[in-house]
Amino acid sequence: MIARIWRGRTRESDQNTYFEYLQRTGLKDTPQPPAIVVFWVLRRVYEGKAEFTLISLWDSWDAIKAFAGSEYERAVYYPEDKKFLLELEPKVTHYEVLQSG
């Protein structure tokens, strides 16, 4: 199993609007099981910003590549992301899941 982690930050005032937008775009386009085993959307607010962390557990590298393409470490963005996100991180992080509980 592979964990794919993406982070993005918005202004605190945009936190709910961005989450609604995220539900209509990236979360809606995310593959369903069995490609993705588990999907979490985390948010924390601090210092006037809202940080979103998306953690998805995938069943294989092939499933990730089918979603993200051959440059699977590149973050996937949508047209209006620039309107909300304070910066566009170029890459996501992947981890092999060695054990879960």
PDB file of N, CA and C in Angstrom:
ATOM      1  N   MET A   1       0.846  -1.163   0.000  1.00  0.00           N
ATOM      2  CA  MET A   1       0.000   0.000   0.000  1.00  0.00           C
ATOM      3  C   MET A   1       0.901   1.239   0.000  1.00  0.00           C
ATOM      4  N   ILE A   2       0.451   2.299  -0.685  1.00  0.00           N
ATOM      5  CA  ILE A   2       1.222   3.526  -0.818  1.00  0.00           C
ATOM      6  C   ILE A   2       0.392   4.697  -0.284  1.00  0.00           C
ATOM      7  N   ALA A   3       1.003   5.521   0.564  1.00  0.00           N
ATOM      8  CA  ALA A   3       0.357   6.743   1.048  1.00  0.00           C
ATOM      9  C   ALA A   3       0.795   7.901   0.158  1.00  0.00           C
ATOM     10  N   ARG A   4      -0.183   8.691  -0.283  1.00  0.00           N
ATOM     11  CA  ARG A   4       0.072   9.889  -1.101  1.00  0.00           C
ATOM     12  C   ARG A   4      -0.403  11.076  -0.274  1.00  0.00           C
ATOM     13  N   ILE A   5       0.494  12.041  -0.046  1.00  0.00           N
ATOM     14  CA  ILE A   5       0.181  13.160   0.843  1.00  0.00           C
ATOM     15  C   ILE A   5       0.399  14.477   0.101  1.00  0.00           C
ATOM     16  N   TRP A   6      -0.631  15.334   0.173  1.00  0.00           N
ATOM     17  CA  TRP A   6      -0.575  16.672  -0.432  1.00  0.00           C
ATOM     18  C   TRP A   6      -0.950  17.694   0.622  1.00  0.00           C
ATOM     19  N   ARG A   7      -0.310  18.853   0.566  1.00  0.00           N
ATOM     20  CA  ARG A   7      -0.628  19.942   1.486  1.00  0.00           C
ATOM     21  C   ARG A   7      -0.847  21.226   0.708  1.00  0.00           C
ATOM     22  N   GLY A   8      -1.792  22.029   1.202  1.00  0.00           N
ATOM     23  CA  GLY A   8      -2.037  23.344   0.633  1.00  0.00           C
ATOM     24  C   GLY A   8      -2.550  24.279   1.710  1.00  0.00           C
ATOM     25  N   ARG A   9      -2.277  25.576   1.525  1.00  0.00           N
ATOM     26  CA  ARG A   9      -2.719  26.566   2.506  1.00  0.00           C
ATOM     27  C   ARG A   9      -3.543  27.645   1.835  1.00  0.00           C
ATOM     28  N   THR A  10      -4.603  28.057   2.530  1.00  0.00           N
ATOM     29  CA  THR A  10      -5.450  29.155   2.097  1.00  0.00           C
ATOM     30  C   THR A  10      -5.482  30.204   3.205  1.00  0.00           C
ATOM     31  N   ARG A  11      -6.088  31.335   2.909  1.00  0.00           N
ATOM     32  CA  ARG A  11      -6.370  32.299   3.963  1.00  0.00           C
ATOM     33  C   ARG A  11      -7.438  31.686   4.872  1.00  0.00           C
ATOM     34  N   GLU A  12      -7.414  31.992   6.137  1.00  0.00           N
ATOM     35  CA  GLU A  12      -8.398  31.456   7.066  1.00  0.00           C
ATOM     36  C   GLU A  12      -9.818  31.765   6.595  1.00  0.00           C
ATOM     37  N   SER A  13     -10.029  32.940   6.039  1.00  0.00           N
ATOM     38  CA  SER A  13     -11.362  33.343   5.576  1.00  0.00           C
ATOM     39  C   SER A  13     -11.859  32.508   4.399  1.00  0.00           C
ATOM     40  N   ASP A  14     -10.961  31.821   3.694  1.00  0.00           N
ATOM     41  CA  ASP A  14     -11.339  30.991   2.540  1.00  0.00           C
ATOM     42  C   ASP A  14     -11.492  29.513   2.887  1.00  0.00           C
ATOM     43  N   GLN A  15     -11.303  29.144   4.140  1.00  0.00           N
ATOM     44  CA  GLN A  15     -11.243  27.725   4.492  1.00  0.00           C
ATOM     45  C   GLN A  15     -12.493  26.947   4.097  1.00  0.00           C
ATOM     46  N   ASN A  16     -13.673  27.448   4.351  1.00  0.00           N
ATOM     47  CA  ASN A  16     -14.892  26.692   4.021  1.00  0.00           C
ATOM     48  C   ASN A  16     -15.177  26.709   2.526  1.00  0.00           C
ATOM     49  N   THR A  17     -14.954  27.854   1.897  1.00  0.00           N
ATOM     50  CA  THR A  17     -15.172  27.956   0.449  1.00  0.00           C
ATOM     51  C   THR A  17     -14.221  27.033  -0.300  1.00  0.00           C
ATOM     52  N   TYR A  18     -12.958  26.991   0.148  1.00  0.00           N
ATOM     53  CA  TYR A  18     -12.001  26.110  -0.509  1.00  0.00           C
ATOM     54  C   TYR A  18     -12.374  24.643  -0.308  1.00  0.00           C
ATOM     55  N   PHE A  19     -12.815  24.286   0.884  1.00  0.00           N
ATOM     56  CA  PHE A  19     -13.201  22.890   1.117  1.00  0.00           C
ATOM     57  C   PHE A  19     -14.368  22.505   0.208  1.00  0.00           C
ATOM     58  N   GLU A  20     -15.348  23.392   0.037  1.00  0.00           N
ATOM     59  CA  GLU A  20     -16.463  23.110  -0.873  1.00  0.00           C
ATOM     60  C   GLU A  20     -15.958  22.945  -2.306  1.00  0.00           C
ATOM     61  N   TYR A  21     -15.040  23.813  -2.717  1.00  0.00           N
ATOM     62  CA  TYR A  21     -14.438  23.718  -4.052  1.00  0.00           C
ATOM     63  C   TYR A  21     -13.671  22.400  -4.197  1.00  0.00           C
ATOM     64  N   LEU A  22     -12.917  22.026  -3.168  1.00  0.00           N
ATOM     65  CA  LEU A  22     -12.158  20.783  -3.179  1.00  0.00           C
ATOM     66  C   LEU A  22     -13.082  19.573  -3.340  1.00  0.00           C
ATOM     67  N   GLN A  23     -14.232  19.623  -2.704  1.00  0.00           N
ATOM     68  CA  GLN A  23     -15.202  18.528  -2.825  1.00  0.00           C
ATOM     69  C   GLN A  23     -15.733  18.410  -4.262  1.00  0.00           C
ATOM     70  N   ARG A  24     -15.860  19.538  -4.967  1.00  0.00           N
ATOM     71  CA  ARG A  24     -16.380  19.534  -6.345  1.00  0.00           C
ATOM     72  C   ARG A  24     -15.316  19.168  -7.382  1.00  0.00           C
ATOM     73  N   THR A  25     -14.042  19.230  -6.999  1.00  0.00           N
ATOM     74  CA  THR A  25     -12.963  19.014  -7.971  1.00  0.00           C
ATOM     75  C   THR A  25     -12.134  17.788  -7.591  1.00  0.00           C
ATOM     76  N   GLY A  26     -11.051  18.012  -6.888  1.00  0.00           N
ATOM     77  CA  GLY A  26     -10.089  16.951  -6.581  1.00  0.00           C
ATOM     78  C   GLY A  26     -10.669  15.763  -5.848  1.00  0.00           C
ATOM     79  N   LEU A  27     -11.545  16.002  -4.881  1.00  0.00           N
ATOM     80  CA  LEU A  27     -12.112  14.871  -4.148  1.00  0.00           C
ATOM     81  C   LEU A  27     -13.091  14.097  -5.015  1.00  0.00           C
ATOM     82  N   LYS A  28     -13.828  14.796  -5.843  1.00  0.00           N
ATOM     83  CA  LYS A  28     -14.785  14.138  -6.739  1.00  0.00           C
ATOM     84  C   LYS A  28     -14.062  13.297  -7.805  1.00  0.00           C
ATOM     85  N   ASP A  29     -12.919  13.766  -8.253  1.00  0.00           N
ATOM     86  CA  ASP A  29     -12.171  13.088  -9.312  1.00  0.00           C
ATOM     87  C   ASP A  29     -11.268  11.970  -8.795  1.00  0.00           C
ATOM     88  N   THR A  30     -11.155  11.850  -7.494  1.00  0.00           N
ATOM     89  CA  THR A  30     -10.292  10.827  -6.920  1.00  0.00           C
ATOM     90  C   THR A  30     -10.886   9.444  -7.180  1.00  0.00           C
ATOM     91  N   PRO A  31     -10.071   8.505  -7.613  1.00  0.00           N
ATOM     92  CA  PRO A  31     -10.577   7.155  -7.888  1.00  0.00           C
ATOM     93  C   PRO A  31     -11.238   6.516  -6.671  1.00  0.00           C
ATOM     94  N   GLN A  32     -12.143   5.632  -6.936  1.00  0.00           N
ATOM     95  CA  GLN A  32     -12.852   4.895  -5.893  1.00  0.00           C
ATOM     96  C   GLN A  32     -12.128   3.578  -5.610  1.00  0.00           C
ATOM     97  N   PRO A  33     -12.523   2.903  -4.529  1.00  0.00           N
ATOM     98  CA  PRO A  33     -11.938   1.582  -4.270  1.00  0.00           C
ATOM     99  C   PRO A  33     -12.125   0.678  -5.482  1.00  0.00           C
ATOM    100  N   PRO A  34     -11.228  -0.210  -5.777  1.00  0.00           N
ATOM    101  CA  PRO A  34     -10.110  -0.640  -4.944  1.00  0.00           C
ATOM    102  C   PRO A  34      -8.843   0.181  -5.120  1.00  0.00           C
ATOM    103  N   ALA A  35      -8.791   1.137  -6.070  1.00  0.00           N
ATOM    104  CA  ALA A  35      -7.552   1.909  -6.277  1.00  0.00           C
ATOM    105  C   ALA A  35      -7.154   2.646  -4.999  1.00  0.00           C
ATOM    106  N   ILE A  36      -8.119   3.318  -4.372  1.00  0.00           N
ATOM    107  CA  ILE A  36      -7.857   4.003  -3.108  1.00  0.00           C
ATOM    108  C   ILE A  36      -8.495   3.197  -1.993  1.00  0.00           C
ATOM    109  N   VAL A  37      -7.707   2.923  -0.988  1.00  0.00           N
ATOM    110  CA  VAL A  37      -8.176   2.133   0.142  1.00  0.00           C
ATOM    111  C   VAL A  37      -8.836   3.037   1.179  1.00  0.00           C
ATOM    112  N   VAL A  38      -8.199   4.163   1.489  1.00  0.00           N
ATOM    113  CA  VAL A  38      -8.684   5.114   2.485  1.00  0.00           C
ATOM    114  C   VAL A  38      -8.319   6.521   2.028  1.00  0.00           C
ATOM    115  N   PHE A  39      -9.150   7.503   2.395  1.00  0.00           N
ATOM    116  CA  PHE A  39      -8.889   8.889   2.026  1.00  0.00           C
ATOM    117  C   PHE A  39      -9.263   9.792   3.198  1.00  0.00           C
ATOM    118  N   TRP A  40      -8.334  10.635   3.633  1.00  0.00           N
ATOM    119  CA  TRP A  40      -8.611  11.600   4.704  1.00  0.00           C
ATOM    120  C   TRP A  40      -8.348  13.005   4.202  1.00  0.00           C
ATOM    121  N   VAL A  41      -9.200  13.948   4.635  1.00  0.00           N
ATOM    122  CA  VAL A  41      -8.982  15.372   4.408  1.00  0.00           C
ATOM    123  C   VAL A  41      -8.854  16.008   5.791  1.00  0.00           C
ATOM    124  N   LEU A  42      -7.691  16.568   6.070  1.00  0.00           N
ATOM    125  CA  LEU A  42      -7.421  17.185   7.366  1.00  0.00           C
ATOM    126  C   LEU A  42      -7.302  18.693   7.184  1.00  0.00           C
ATOM    127  N   ARG A  43      -7.718  19.447   8.213  1.00  0.00           N
ATOM    128  CA  ARG A  43      -7.578  20.907   8.153  1.00  0.00           C
ATOM    129  C   ARG A  43      -7.187  21.412   9.531  1.00  0.00           C
ATOM    130  N   ARG A  44      -6.272  22.352   9.540  1.00  0.00           N
ATOM    131  CA  ARG A  44      -5.959  23.055  10.780  1.00  0.00           C
ATOM    132  C   ARG A  44      -5.837  24.533  10.465  1.00  0.00           C
ATOM    133  N   VAL A  45      -6.290  25.351  11.403  1.00  0.00           N
ATOM    134  CA  VAL A  45      -6.261  26.799  11.236  1.00  0.00           C
ATOM    135  C   VAL A  45      -5.247  27.360  12.225  1.00  0.00           C
ATOM    136  N   TYR A  46      -4.361  28.201  11.718  1.00  0.00           N
ATOM    137  CA  TYR A  46      -3.363  28.830  12.574  1.00  0.00           C
ATOM    138  C   TYR A  46      -2.841  30.083  11.895  1.00  0.00           C
ATOM    139  N   GLU A  47      -2.534  31.099  12.697  1.00  0.00           N
ATOM    140  CA  GLU A  47      -1.915  32.338  12.224  1.00  0.00           C
ATOM    141  C   GLU A  47      -2.610  32.915  10.996  1.00  0.00           C
ATOM    142  N   GLY A  48      -3.943  32.864  10.975  1.00  0.00           N
ATOM    143  CA  GLY A  48      -4.698  33.463   9.875  1.00  0.00           C
ATOM    144  C   GLY A  48      -4.735  32.649   8.594  1.00  0.00           C
ATOM    145  N   LYS A  49      -4.256  31.411   8.656  1.00  0.00           N
ATOM    146  CA  LYS A  49      -4.245  30.534   7.480  1.00  0.00           C
ATOM    147  C   LYS A  49      -4.931  29.211   7.814  1.00  0.00           C
ATOM    148  N   ALA A  50      -5.396  28.546   6.786  1.00  0.00           N
ATOM    149  CA  ALA A  50      -5.954  27.199   6.935  1.00  0.00           C
ATOM    150  C   ALA A  50      -5.094  26.259   6.099  1.00  0.00           C
ATOM    151  N   GLU A  51      -4.542  25.253   6.758  1.00  0.00           N
ATOM    152  CA  GLU A  51      -3.722  24.263   6.065  1.00  0.00           C
ATOM    153  C   GLU A  51      -4.550  23.002   5.858  1.00  0.00           C
ATOM    154  N   PHE A  52      -4.575  22.532   4.636  1.00  0.00           N
ATOM    155  CA  PHE A  52      -5.260  21.297   4.276  1.00  0.00           C
ATOM    156  C   PHE A  52      -4.210  20.232   4.001  1.00  0.00           C
ATOM    157  N   THR A  53      -4.430  19.055   4.539  1.00  0.00           N
ATOM    158  CA  THR A  53      -3.572  17.912   4.249  1.00  0.00           C
ATOM    159  C   THR A  53      -4.469  16.785   3.757  1.00  0.00           C
ATOM    160  N   LEU A  54      -4.203  16.295   2.569  1.00  0.00           N
ATOM    161  CA  LEU A  54      -4.945  15.168   2.015  1.00  0.00           C
ATOM    162  C   LEU A  54      -4.041  13.945   2.062  1.00  0.00           C
ATOM    163  N   ILE A  55      -4.522  12.901   2.691  1.00  0.00           N
ATOM    164  CA  ILE A  55      -3.778  11.650   2.783  1.00  0.00           C
ATOM    165  C   ILE A  55      -4.635  10.565   2.146  1.00  0.00           C
ATOM    166  N   SER A  56      -4.113   9.940   1.130  1.00  0.00           N
ATOM    167  CA  SER A  56      -4.827   8.844   0.482  1.00  0.00           C
ATOM    168  C   SER A  56      -3.939   7.613   0.478  1.00  0.00           C
ATOM    169  N   LEU A  57      -4.559   6.478   0.734  1.00  0.00           N
ATOM    170  CA  LEU A  57      -3.842   5.203   0.701  1.00  0.00           C
ATOM    171  C   LEU A  57      -4.266   4.460  -0.552  1.00  0.00           C
ATOM    172  N   TRP A  58      -3.300   4.122  -1.381  1.00  0.00           N
ATOM    173  CA  TRP A  58      -3.532   3.509  -2.683  1.00  0.00           C
ATOM    174  C   TRP A  58      -3.096   2.059  -2.653  1.00  0.00           C
ATOM    175  N   ASP A  59      -3.737   1.246  -3.468  1.00  0.00           N
ATOM    176  CA  ASP A  59      -3.389  -0.177  -3.465  1.00  0.00           C
ATOM    177  C   ASP A  59      -2.114  -0.480  -4.237  1.00  0.00           C
ATOM    178  N   SER A  60      -1.655   0.453  -5.118  1.00  0.00           N
ATOM    179  CA  SER A  60      -0.444   0.173  -5.898  1.00  0.00           C
ATOM    180  C   SER A  60       0.089   1.444  -6.538  1.00  0.00           C
ATOM    181  N   TRP A  61       1.341   1.363  -6.976  1.00  0.00           N
ATOM    182  CA  TRP A  61       1.931   2.460  -7.747  1.00  0.00           C
ATOM    183  C   TRP A  61       1.180   2.632  -9.066  1.00  0.00           C
ATOM    184  N   ASP A  62       0.760   1.545  -9.669  1.00  0.00           N
ATOM    185  CA  ASP A  62       0.033   1.619 -10.942  1.00  0.00           C
ATOM    186  C   ASP A  62      -1.251   2.424 -10.802  1.00  0.00           C
ATOM    187  N   ALA A  63      -1.949   2.267  -9.685  1.00  0.00           N
ATOM    188  CA  ALA A  63      -3.181   3.028  -9.456  1.00  0.00           C
ATOM    189  C   ALA A  63      -2.878   4.523  -9.341  1.00  0.00           C
ATOM    190  N   ILE A  64      -1.788   4.860  -8.671  1.00  0.00           N
ATOM    191  CA  ILE A  64      -1.388   6.271  -8.549  1.00  0.00           C
ATOM    192  C   ILE A  64      -1.045   6.829  -9.921  1.00  0.00           C
ATOM    193  N   LYS A  65      -0.284   6.072 -10.706  1.00  0.00           N
ATOM    194  CA  LYS A  65       0.115   6.535 -12.034  1.00  0.00           C
ATOM    195  C   LYS A  65      -1.083   6.669 -12.969  1.00  0.00           C
ATOM    196  N   ALA A  66      -2.079   5.817 -12.819  1.00  0.00           N
ATOM    197  CA  ALA A  66      -3.292   5.928 -13.638  1.00  0.00           C
ATOM    198  C   ALA A  66      -4.025   7.225 -13.331  1.00  0.00           C
ATOM    199  N   PHE A  67      -3.969   7.678 -12.087  1.00  0.00           N
ATOM    200  CA  PHE A  67      -4.620   8.930 -11.679  1.00  0.00           C
ATOM    201  C   PHE A  67      -3.774  10.143 -12.036  1.00  0.00           C
ATOM    202  N   ALA A  68      -2.483  10.107 -11.696  1.00  0.00           N
ATOM    203  CA  ALA A  68      -1.632  11.294 -11.782  1.00  0.00           C
ATOM    204  C   ALA A  68      -0.760  11.342 -13.038  1.00  0.00           C
ATOM    205  N   GLY A  69      -0.688  10.252 -13.791  1.00  0.00           N
ATOM    206  CA  GLY A  69       0.138  10.236 -14.989  1.00  0.00           C
ATOM    207  C   GLY A  69       1.558   9.785 -14.699  1.00  0.00           C
ATOM    208  N   SER A  70       2.376   9.835 -15.725  1.00  0.00           N
ATOM    209  CA  SER A  70       3.748   9.326 -15.591  1.00  0.00           C
ATOM    210  C   SER A  70       4.580  10.155 -14.613  1.00  0.00           C
ATOM    211  N   GLU A  71       4.262  11.432 -14.467  1.00  0.00           N
ATOM    212  CA  GLU A  71       4.952  12.278 -13.487  1.00  0.00           C
ATOM    213  C   GLU A  71       4.121  12.286 -12.205  1.00  0.00           C
ATOM    214  N   TYR A  72       3.958  11.117 -11.627  1.00  0.00           N
ATOM    215  CA  TYR A  72       3.033  10.906 -10.517  1.00  0.00           C
ATOM    216  C   TYR A  72       3.413  11.637  -9.233  1.00  0.00           C
ATOM    217  N   GLU A  73       4.647  12.130  -9.136  1.00  0.00           N
ATOM    218  CA  GLU A  73       5.039  12.896  -7.953  1.00  0.00           C
ATOM    219  C   GLU A  73       4.635  14.364  -8.064  1.00  0.00           C
ATOM    220  N   ARG A  74       4.185  14.761  -9.234  1.00  0.00           N
ATOM    221  CA  ARG A  74       3.732  16.133  -9.415  1.00  0.00           C
ATOM    222  C   ARG A  74       2.329  16.272  -8.829  1.00  0.00           C
ATOM    223  N   ALA A  75       2.085  17.353  -8.119  1.00  0.00           N
ATOM    224  CA  ALA A  75       0.763  17.608  -7.546  1.00  0.00           C
ATOM    225  C   ALA A  75      -0.240  17.861  -8.667  1.00  0.00           C
ATOM    226  N   VAL A  76      -1.469  17.408  -8.473  1.00  0.00           N
ATOM    227  CA  VAL A  76      -2.545  17.619  -9.437  1.00  0.00           C
ATOM    228  C   VAL A  76      -3.347  18.833  -8.984  1.00  0.00           C
ATOM    229  N   TYR A  77      -3.441  19.866  -9.851  1.00  0.00           N
ATOM    230  CA  TYR A  77      -4.183  21.080  -9.516  1.00  0.00           C
ATOM    231  C   TYR A  77      -5.304  21.307 -10.515  1.00  0.00           C
ATOM    232  N   TYR A  78      -6.262  22.126 -10.091  1.00  0.00           N
ATOM    233  CA  TYR A  78      -7.429  22.474 -10.898  1.00  0.00           C
ATOM    234  C   TYR A  78      -7.412  23.977 -11.150  1.00  0.00           C
ATOM    235  N   PRO A  79      -8.156  24.432 -12.187  1.00  0.00           N
ATOM    236  CA  PRO A  79      -8.050  25.832 -12.621  1.00  0.00           C
ATOM    237  C   PRO A  79      -8.215  26.880 -11.514  1.00  0.00           C
ATOM    238  N   GLU A  80      -9.141  26.727 -10.615  1.00  0.00           N
ATOM    239  CA  GLU A  80      -9.377  27.766  -9.607  1.00  0.00           C
ATOM    240  C   GLU A  80      -8.508  27.611  -8.360  1.00  0.00           C
ATOM    241  N   ASP A  81      -7.638  26.604  -8.305  1.00  0.00           N
ATOM    242  CA  ASP A  81      -6.764  26.453  -7.146  1.00  0.00           C
ATOM    243  C   ASP A  81      -5.949  27.725  -6.897  1.00  0.00           C
ATOM    244  N   LYS A  82      -5.510  28.378  -7.958  1.00  0.00           N
ATOM    245  CA  LYS A  82      -4.705  29.595  -7.815  1.00  0.00           C
ATOM    246  C   LYS A  82      -5.482  30.703  -7.114  1.00  0.00           C
ATOM    247  N   LYS A  83      -6.791  30.664  -7.222  1.00  0.00           N
ATOM    248  CA  LYS A  83      -7.645  31.670  -6.577  1.00  0.00           C
ATOM    249  C   LYS A  83      -7.617  31.522  -5.054  1.00  0.00           C
ATOM    250  N   PHE A  84      -7.452  30.304  -4.569  1.00  0.00           N
ATOM    251  CA  PHE A  84      -7.525  30.028  -3.136  1.00  0.00           C
ATOM    252  C   PHE A  84      -6.185  29.771  -2.468  1.00  0.00           C
ATOM    253  N   LEU A  85      -5.333  29.002  -3.116  1.00  0.00           N
ATOM    254  CA  LEU A  85      -4.100  28.551  -2.473  1.00  0.00           C
ATOM    255  C   LEU A  85      -3.044  29.652  -2.447  1.00  0.00           C
ATOM    256  N   LEU A  86      -2.368  29.776  -1.326  1.00  0.00           N
ATOM    257  CA  LEU A  86      -1.337  30.800  -1.168  1.00  0.00           C
ATOM    258  C   LEU A  86      -0.082  30.458  -1.951  1.00  0.00           C
ATOM    259  N   GLU A  87       0.142  29.183  -2.193  1.00  0.00           N
ATOM    260  CA  GLU A  87       1.244  28.719  -3.036  1.00  0.00           C
ATOM    261  C   GLU A  87       0.861  27.357  -3.596  1.00  0.00           C
ATOM    262  N   LEU A  88       1.436  27.010  -4.717  1.00  0.00           N
ATOM    263  CA  LEU A  88       1.160  25.712  -5.336  1.00  0.00           C
ATOM    264  C   LEU A  88       2.394  24.833  -5.185  1.00  0.00           C
ATOM    265  N   GLU A  89       2.349  23.966  -4.206  1.00  0.00           N
ATOM    266  CA  GLU A  89       3.458  23.038  -3.993  1.00  0.00           C
ATOM    267  C   GLU A  89       3.594  22.174  -5.250  1.00  0.00           C
ATOM    268  N   PRO A  90       4.781  22.057  -5.808  1.00  0.00           N
ATOM    269  CA  PRO A  90       4.923  21.312  -7.062  1.00  0.00           C
ATOM    270  C   PRO A  90       4.794  19.799  -6.925  1.00  0.00           C
ATOM    271  N   LYS A  91       5.072  19.278  -5.731  1.00  0.00           N
ATOM    272  CA  LYS A  91       5.088  17.817  -5.588  1.00  0.00           C
ATOM    273  C   LYS A  91       4.264  17.348  -4.391  1.00  0.00           C
ATOM    274  N   VAL A  92       3.863  16.107  -4.477  1.00  0.00           N
ATOM    275  CA  VAL A  92       3.253  15.406  -3.352  1.00  0.00           C
ATOM    276  C   VAL A  92       4.313  14.482  -2.773  1.00  0.00           C
ATOM    277  N   THR A  93       4.023  13.902  -1.636  1.00  0.00           N
ATOM    278  CA  THR A  93       4.959  12.985  -0.992  1.00  0.00           C
ATOM    279  C   THR A  93       4.337  11.598  -0.956  1.00  0.00           C
ATOM    280  N   HIS A  94       5.131  10.598  -1.231  1.00  0.00           N
ATOM    281  CA  HIS A  94       4.666   9.209  -1.177  1.00  0.00           C
ATOM    282  C   HIS A  94       5.462   8.440  -0.124  1.00  0.00           C
ATOM    283  N   TYR A  95       4.757   7.555   0.568  1.00  0.00           N
ATOM    284  CA  TYR A  95       5.381   6.667   1.542  1.00  0.00           C
ATOM    285  C   TYR A  95       4.855   5.258   1.325  1.00  0.00           C
ATOM    286  N   GLU A  96       5.705   4.285   1.472  1.00  0.00           N
ATOM    287  CA  GLU A  96       5.243   2.910   1.516  1.00  0.00           C
ATOM    288  C   GLU A  96       4.660   2.674   2.911  1.00  0.00           C
ATOM    289  N   VAL A  97       3.501   2.082   2.995  1.00  0.00           N
ATOM    290  CA  VAL A  97       2.879   1.776   4.267  1.00  0.00           C
ATOM    291  C   VAL A  97       3.381   0.395   4.695  1.00  0.00           C
ATOM    292  N   LEU A  98       4.139   0.373   5.757  1.00  0.00           N
ATOM    293  CA  LEU A  98       4.732  -0.874   6.227  1.00  0.00           C
ATOM    294  C   LEU A  98       3.840  -1.604   7.216  1.00  0.00           C
ATOM    295  N   GLN A  99       3.037  -0.815   7.951  1.00  0.00           N
ATOM    296  CA  GLN A  99       2.131  -1.429   8.923  1.00  0.00           C
ATOM    297  C   GLN A  99       1.018  -0.440   9.221  1.00  0.00           C
ATOM    298  N   SER A 100      -0.170  -0.935   9.423  1.00  0.00           N
ATOM    299  CA  SER A 100      -1.290  -0.093   9.854  1.00  0.00           C
ATOM    300  C   SER A 100      -2.039  -0.828  10.962  1.00  0.00           C
ATOM    301  N   GLY A 101      -2.801  -0.078  11.717  1.00  0.00           N
ATOM    302  CA  GLY A 101      -3.486  -0.709  12.838  1.00  0.00           C
ATOM    303  C   GLY A 101      -4.952  -0.421  12.845  1.00  0.00           C
TER     304      GLY A 101
END
